[in-house]
Protein backbone atom coordinates (compact mmCIF):
# COMPACT_ATOMS: atom_id res chain seq x y z
CA MET A 1 10.54 7.67 -1.81
CA THR A 2 7.15 9.32 -1.75
CA PRO A 3 7.32 11.96 0.98
CA HIS A 4 4.35 12.88 3.16
CA SER A 5 3.55 15.61 5.67
CA GLY A 6 4.82 13.51 8.59
CA MET A 7 8.35 13.81 7.14
CA LEU A 8 8.43 17.60 7.28
CA ASN A 9 10.25 19.82 9.75
CA PHE A 10 8.93 23.08 11.22
CA LEU A 11 9.88 24.91 8.02
CA ASP A 12 7.69 22.57 5.92
CA ARG A 13 10.77 21.04 4.28
CA LEU A 14 11.81 17.39 4.36
CA HIS A 15 13.38 16.62 7.73
CA GLY A 16 17.09 15.77 7.57
CA GLY A 17 16.53 12.62 9.62
CA ALA A 18 13.93 11.37 7.13
CA LEU A 19 16.39 11.96 4.29
CA MET A 20 19.20 10.18 6.15
CA GLY A 21 16.98 7.17 6.82
CA PHE A 22 16.08 7.10 3.13
CA ILE A 23 19.77 7.33 2.16
CA ASP A 24 20.67 4.44 4.48
CA SER A 25 17.98 2.26 2.92
CA ALA A 26 18.88 3.31 -0.62
CA MET A 27 22.58 2.56 -0.22
CA PHE A 28 21.83 -0.99 0.95
CA ALA A 29 19.37 -1.48 -1.92
CA GLY A 30 22.09 -0.29 -4.30
CA ALA A 31 24.72 -2.51 -2.68
CA ARG A 32 22.45 -5.54 -3.10
CA LEU A 33 22.02 -4.70 -6.79
CA PHE A 34 25.80 -4.51 -7.17
CA GLY A 35 25.92 -8.04 -5.72
CA GLY A 36 28.66 -9.59 -3.71
CA GLU A 37 28.62 -12.17 -0.99
CA GLY A 38 27.74 -10.90 2.49
CA VAL A 39 25.88 -7.80 1.32
CA GLN A 40 22.53 -9.07 2.67
CA ASP A 41 23.93 -8.85 6.21
CA ALA A 42 26.11 -5.74 5.77
CA ILE A 43 26.34 -2.93 8.32
CA THR A 44 27.02 0.79 7.97
CA VAL A 45 30.57 1.74 8.95
CA ASP A 46 30.19 5.43 8.18
CA LEU A 47 27.80 7.73 6.40
CA SER A 48 28.48 11.39 5.62
CA VAL A 49 25.57 13.43 4.25
CA GLN A 50 25.77 16.91 2.78
CA MET A 51 22.39 18.66 2.70
CA ALA A 52 22.26 20.89 -0.37
CA ALA A 53 18.66 22.12 -0.53
CA GLY A 54 15.32 21.69 1.19
CA GLY A 55 13.01 19.04 -0.20
CA SER A 56 9.23 19.24 -0.28
CA ALA A 57 6.46 16.72 0.33
CA ASP A 58 4.75 17.32 -3.00
CA ARG A 59 7.12 15.36 -5.29
CA PRO A 60 8.92 11.98 -5.19
CA VAL A 61 12.54 11.82 -4.04
CA ASP A 62 15.08 9.59 -5.83
CA ALA A 63 18.47 8.27 -4.70
CA ILE A 64 21.32 7.55 -7.09
CA VAL A 65 23.91 5.16 -5.63
CA GLU A 66 27.36 4.49 -7.12
CA LEU A 67 29.83 1.81 -6.04
CA THR A 68 33.28 3.43 -6.09
CA ARG A 69 35.34 0.53 -4.71
CA GLU A 70 34.85 -2.92 -3.23
CA THR A 71 37.23 -5.05 -1.21
CA GLY A 72 36.70 -8.41 0.42
CA ARG A 73 34.81 -6.90 3.36
CA LEU A 74 34.05 -3.30 2.45
CA MET A 75 31.99 -1.44 -0.13
CA PHE A 76 32.58 2.27 -0.71
CA LEU A 77 29.56 4.15 -2.02
CA ARG A 78 28.64 7.66 -3.01
CA GLY A 79 25.49 9.17 -4.33
CA SER A 80 22.93 11.89 -4.44
CA VAL A 81 19.31 12.47 -3.51
CA GLU A 82 17.30 14.29 -6.11
CA GLN A 83 13.84 15.79 -6.28
CA GLY A 84 12.92 16.59 -9.85
CA ASP A 85 15.89 18.38 -11.41
CA GLU A 86 17.33 19.51 -8.07
CA THR A 87 19.96 17.76 -5.97
CA ILE A 88 18.90 18.06 -2.35
CA ALA A 89 21.67 15.97 -0.73
CA GLY A 90 24.89 14.14 -1.45
CA PHE A 91 26.46 11.30 0.51
CA ILE A 92 29.55 9.15 0.93
CA ALA A 93 29.36 5.85 2.80
CA THR A 94 31.24 2.71 3.71
CA ILE A 95 29.50 -0.56 4.50
CA ARG A 96 31.04 -3.73 5.87
CA LYS A 97 29.93 -7.04 4.46
CA VAL A 98 29.34 -9.79 6.99
CA THR A 99 30.75 -13.08 5.78
CA SER A 100 30.60 -16.44 7.50
C-alpha cells in the first residue's frame, strides 16, 4: 500500500483503521493466491490485530500473509505489516469459504 496524508491520525501516524482495512484486503489477496475453491466469495470470521509501531505516510507498507491451516470451509491466516525494516502490526485471522 502507498500511504497518503488522508490515512494519518492526529499524531501524523498511519491511522489504525486504515491499517486494518489494508490487512483485510491483503489477507483475501493472500488467500486467493493460496487457492482453494470458495475463496473468491469468502468472508472474515475473525481478525485480531496487534499494533506494534506507528507507520508514516512517506514510505510504502507491505503485508506478509501466511496460511497456517485450511479445512473444507475455513482458512487460518497470520501475518505482519511492515514498513521498511520495521514491523508495525501483526495479525491473526480466520476466513470462511463460501461453497455452493
